[in-house]
Amino acid sequence: MNFSTQGMVDMIYVLGASDKNSLLAIRLYNQRHPDRREPCRKTLDSLMERFKCTASEAYEKKERVKPVSQFLTYMFMNENDIFE
């Protein structure tokens, strides 16, 4: 289960307040938000790395390159290209 956007923003604030100490940040997060799920250390570390790279809590969307099938390649070929 993923954390909400607001939850991740709160984690970033807590990481800043704890001077990037993830174990201390977990304790602070639990004190400030006792009704929320507790993040693990790995979650906070990966969130911090993501925030450093993108300056955002959002995941990077990777564009997929869809391969063109051979059928489409042959459709657009010239007759002279096929028989040469």
N, C-alpha and C. Protein backbone atom coordinates (compact mmCIF):
# COMPACT_ATOMS: atom_id res chain seq x y z
N MET A 1 0.84 -1.17 0.00
CA MET A 1 0.00 0.00 0.00
C MET A 1 0.89 1.24 0.00
N ASN A 2 0.60 2.15 -0.88
CA ASN A 2 1.40 3.37 -1.00
C ASN A 2 0.93 4.42 0.00
N PHE A 3 1.84 5.34 0.30
CA PHE A 3 1.50 6.46 1.17
C PHE A 3 0.82 7.54 0.35
N SER A 4 0.00 8.33 1.00
CA SER A 4 -0.66 9.45 0.32
C SER A 4 0.36 10.55 0.03
N THR A 5 0.00 11.44 -0.86
CA THR A 5 0.89 12.56 -1.19
C THR A 5 1.15 13.41 0.05
N GLN A 6 0.11 13.67 0.81
CA GLN A 6 0.27 14.47 2.03
C GLN A 6 1.17 13.75 3.04
N GLY A 7 1.04 12.44 3.13
CA GLY A 7 1.90 11.67 4.01
C GLY A 7 3.36 11.75 3.62
N MET A 8 3.63 11.69 2.31
CA MET A 8 5.01 11.79 1.84
C MET A 8 5.58 13.19 2.06
N VAL A 9 4.75 14.21 1.89
CA VAL A 9 5.20 15.58 2.15
C VAL A 9 5.54 15.74 3.64
N ASP A 10 4.70 15.18 4.50
CA ASP A 10 4.97 15.23 5.94
C ASP A 10 6.25 14.49 6.29
N MET A 11 6.52 13.39 5.60
CA MET A 11 7.76 12.65 5.83
C MET A 11 8.98 13.48 5.45
N ILE A 12 8.87 14.24 4.36
CA ILE A 12 9.98 15.09 3.93
C ILE A 12 10.22 16.19 4.96
N TYR A 13 9.14 16.77 5.50
CA TYR A 13 9.29 17.79 6.55
C TYR A 13 9.99 17.20 7.78
N VAL A 14 9.58 16.00 8.17
CA VAL A 14 10.15 15.36 9.34
C VAL A 14 11.61 14.99 9.10
N LEU A 15 11.94 14.57 7.88
CA LEU A 15 13.34 14.28 7.56
C LEU A 15 14.19 15.53 7.69
N GLY A 16 13.67 16.66 7.26
CA GLY A 16 14.40 17.91 7.40
C GLY A 16 14.57 18.31 8.85
N ALA A 17 13.53 18.11 9.65
CA ALA A 17 13.59 18.46 11.06
C ALA A 17 14.56 17.56 11.84
N SER A 18 14.74 16.34 11.34
CA SER A 18 15.62 15.39 12.03
C SER A 18 17.02 15.38 11.43
N ASP A 19 17.33 16.36 10.59
CA ASP A 19 18.64 16.47 9.96
C ASP A 19 18.99 15.22 9.14
N LYS A 20 17.99 14.71 8.40
CA LYS A 20 18.11 13.56 7.51
C LYS A 20 18.43 12.24 8.23
N ASN A 21 18.15 12.18 9.51
CA ASN A 21 18.32 10.95 10.27
C ASN A 21 17.00 10.18 10.18
N SER A 22 17.00 9.09 9.43
CA SER A 22 15.74 8.39 9.15
C SER A 22 15.15 7.72 10.39
N LEU A 23 15.98 7.21 11.29
CA LEU A 23 15.44 6.58 12.50
C LEU A 23 14.77 7.60 13.42
N LEU A 24 15.40 8.76 13.56
CA LEU A 24 14.79 9.83 14.34
C LEU A 24 13.53 10.35 13.64
N ALA A 25 13.57 10.40 12.32
CA ALA A 25 12.41 10.88 11.55
C ALA A 25 11.21 9.96 11.75
N ILE A 26 11.44 8.66 11.85
CA ILE A 26 10.34 7.73 12.09
C ILE A 26 9.68 8.02 13.43
N ARG A 27 10.49 8.25 14.46
CA ARG A 27 9.94 8.57 15.79
C ARG A 27 9.14 9.87 15.75
N LEU A 28 9.71 10.90 15.11
CA LEU A 28 9.00 12.18 15.01
C LEU A 28 7.70 12.05 14.23
N TYR A 29 7.74 11.30 13.14
CA TYR A 29 6.54 11.11 12.31
C TYR A 29 5.44 10.42 13.12
N ASN A 30 5.83 9.40 13.89
CA ASN A 30 4.84 8.70 14.72
C ASN A 30 4.28 9.58 15.82
N GLN A 31 5.09 10.48 16.38
CA GLN A 31 4.60 11.40 17.40
C GLN A 31 3.63 12.41 16.81
N ARG A 32 3.97 12.92 15.63
CA ARG A 32 3.12 13.95 15.01
C ARG A 32 1.86 13.36 14.37
N HIS A 33 1.96 12.13 13.89
CA HIS A 33 0.83 11.51 13.17
C HIS A 33 0.59 10.10 13.71
N PRO A 34 0.07 9.97 14.92
CA PRO A 34 -0.11 8.63 15.50
C PRO A 34 -1.18 7.80 14.79
N ASP A 35 -2.08 8.45 14.05
CA ASP A 35 -3.15 7.73 13.36
C ASP A 35 -2.72 7.18 12.00
N ARG A 36 -1.52 7.51 11.54
CA ARG A 36 -1.05 7.06 10.23
C ARG A 36 -0.14 5.85 10.37
N ARG A 37 0.04 5.17 9.25
CA ARG A 37 0.93 4.01 9.20
C ARG A 37 2.38 4.45 9.37
N GLU A 38 3.16 3.64 10.06
CA GLU A 38 4.57 3.98 10.31
C GLU A 38 5.42 3.62 9.09
N PRO A 39 6.19 4.58 8.58
CA PRO A 39 7.07 4.26 7.46
C PRO A 39 8.32 3.53 7.95
N CYS A 40 8.88 2.68 7.11
CA CYS A 40 10.14 2.03 7.50
C CYS A 40 11.31 2.91 7.04
N ARG A 41 12.49 2.57 7.52
CA ARG A 41 13.68 3.37 7.22
C ARG A 41 13.96 3.40 5.71
N LYS A 42 13.77 2.26 5.06
CA LYS A 42 14.03 2.18 3.61
C LYS A 42 13.09 3.11 2.83
N THR A 43 11.86 3.22 3.28
CA THR A 43 10.90 4.11 2.64
C THR A 43 11.36 5.56 2.73
N LEU A 44 11.81 5.96 3.91
CA LEU A 44 12.27 7.33 4.08
C LEU A 44 13.55 7.60 3.28
N ASP A 45 14.45 6.62 3.24
CA ASP A 45 15.69 6.80 2.47
C ASP A 45 15.41 6.94 0.98
N SER A 46 14.52 6.10 0.45
CA SER A 46 14.20 6.19 -0.98
C SER A 46 13.42 7.47 -1.29
N LEU A 47 12.57 7.91 -0.37
CA LEU A 47 11.85 9.17 -0.56
C LEU A 47 12.82 10.35 -0.58
N MET A 48 13.83 10.31 0.28
CA MET A 48 14.82 11.38 0.32
C MET A 48 15.62 11.41 -0.99
N GLU A 49 16.00 10.25 -1.51
CA GLU A 49 16.73 10.19 -2.78
C GLU A 49 15.86 10.70 -3.93
N ARG A 50 14.59 10.30 -3.94
CA ARG A 50 13.68 10.76 -4.98
C ARG A 50 13.50 12.27 -4.92
N PHE A 51 13.41 12.81 -3.71
CA PHE A 51 13.23 14.25 -3.54
C PHE A 51 14.48 15.01 -3.98
N LYS A 52 15.67 14.45 -3.73
CA LYS A 52 16.90 15.09 -4.18
C LYS A 52 16.97 15.16 -5.71
N CYS A 53 16.54 14.10 -6.37
CA CYS A 53 16.63 14.04 -7.83
C CYS A 53 15.57 14.86 -8.54
N THR A 54 14.35 14.85 -8.00
CA THR A 54 13.23 15.46 -8.72
C THR A 54 12.68 16.72 -8.06
N ALA A 55 13.10 17.00 -6.83
CA ALA A 55 12.55 18.11 -6.04
C ALA A 55 11.03 17.97 -5.89
N SER A 56 10.58 16.70 -5.86
CA SER A 56 9.17 16.41 -5.71
C SER A 56 9.01 15.06 -5.03
N GLU A 57 7.85 14.81 -4.45
CA GLU A 57 7.60 13.51 -3.85
C GLU A 57 7.05 12.53 -4.88
N ALA A 58 6.68 13.05 -6.05
CA ALA A 58 6.06 12.21 -7.08
C ALA A 58 7.06 11.27 -7.72
N TYR A 59 6.55 10.15 -8.16
CA TYR A 59 7.38 9.20 -8.87
C TYR A 59 7.66 9.72 -10.27
N GLU A 60 8.84 9.38 -10.79
CA GLU A 60 9.15 9.77 -12.15
C GLU A 60 8.39 8.85 -13.09
N LYS A 61 7.73 9.42 -14.05
CA LYS A 61 7.03 8.61 -15.04
C LYS A 61 7.98 8.35 -16.20
N LYS A 62 8.18 7.09 -16.49
CA LYS A 62 9.07 6.71 -17.58
C LYS A 62 8.22 6.46 -18.81
N GLU A 63 8.66 7.03 -19.91
CA GLU A 63 7.93 6.83 -21.15
C GLU A 63 8.34 5.51 -21.78
N ARG A 64 7.36 4.75 -22.16
CA ARG A 64 7.62 3.48 -22.82
C ARG A 64 7.74 3.70 -24.31
N VAL A 65 8.69 3.06 -24.90
CA VAL A 65 8.83 3.09 -26.35
C VAL A 65 8.18 1.83 -26.87
N LYS A 66 7.14 2.00 -27.65
CA LYS A 66 6.43 0.85 -28.18
C LYS A 66 7.11 0.40 -29.47
N PRO A 67 7.47 -0.87 -29.55
CA PRO A 67 8.13 -1.35 -30.76
C PRO A 67 7.16 -1.42 -31.93
N VAL A 68 7.66 -1.11 -33.09
CA VAL A 68 6.85 -1.18 -34.30
C VAL A 68 6.96 -2.60 -34.83
N SER A 69 5.83 -3.20 -35.11
CA SER A 69 5.87 -4.57 -35.60
C SER A 69 6.39 -4.61 -37.03
N GLN A 70 6.84 -5.78 -37.42
CA GLN A 70 7.36 -5.94 -38.78
C GLN A 70 6.27 -5.72 -39.82
N PHE A 71 5.03 -6.05 -39.45
CA PHE A 71 3.92 -5.85 -40.37
C PHE A 71 3.79 -4.38 -40.76
N LEU A 72 3.86 -3.49 -39.79
CA LEU A 72 3.76 -2.06 -40.08
C LEU A 72 4.95 -1.58 -40.91
N THR A 73 6.11 -2.16 -40.66
CA THR A 73 7.29 -1.78 -41.42
C THR A 73 7.09 -2.14 -42.89
N TYR A 74 6.59 -3.34 -43.15
CA TYR A 74 6.37 -3.76 -44.53
C TYR A 74 5.24 -2.98 -45.20
N MET A 75 4.26 -2.54 -44.42
CA MET A 75 3.16 -1.77 -45.00
C MET A 75 3.65 -0.46 -45.60
N PHE A 76 4.62 0.16 -44.97
CA PHE A 76 5.08 1.47 -45.41
C PHE A 76 6.29 1.41 -46.33
N MET A 77 6.74 0.21 -46.63
CA MET A 77 7.87 0.08 -47.54
C MET A 77 7.41 0.23 -48.98
N ASN A 78 8.29 0.65 -49.79
CA ASN A 78 8.04 0.81 -51.20
C ASN A 78 8.15 -0.55 -51.88
N GLU A 79 7.42 -0.78 -52.97
CA GLU A 79 7.54 -2.05 -53.67
C GLU A 79 8.96 -2.27 -54.17
N ASN A 80 9.63 -1.21 -54.57
CA ASN A 80 10.99 -1.36 -55.06
C ASN A 80 11.93 -1.79 -53.93
N ASP A 81 11.67 -1.36 -52.70
CA ASP A 81 12.51 -1.74 -51.56
C ASP A 81 12.37 -3.24 -51.25
N ILE A 82 11.17 -3.79 -51.47
CA ILE A 82 10.91 -5.18 -51.12
C ILE A 82 11.62 -6.11 -52.10
N PHE A 83 11.61 -5.79 -53.38
CA PHE A 83 12.13 -6.71 -54.38
C PHE A 83 13.59 -6.50 -54.71
N GLU A 84 14.24 -5.59 -54.10
CA GLU A 84 15.65 -5.37 -54.38
C GLU A 84 16.53 -6.30 -53.62
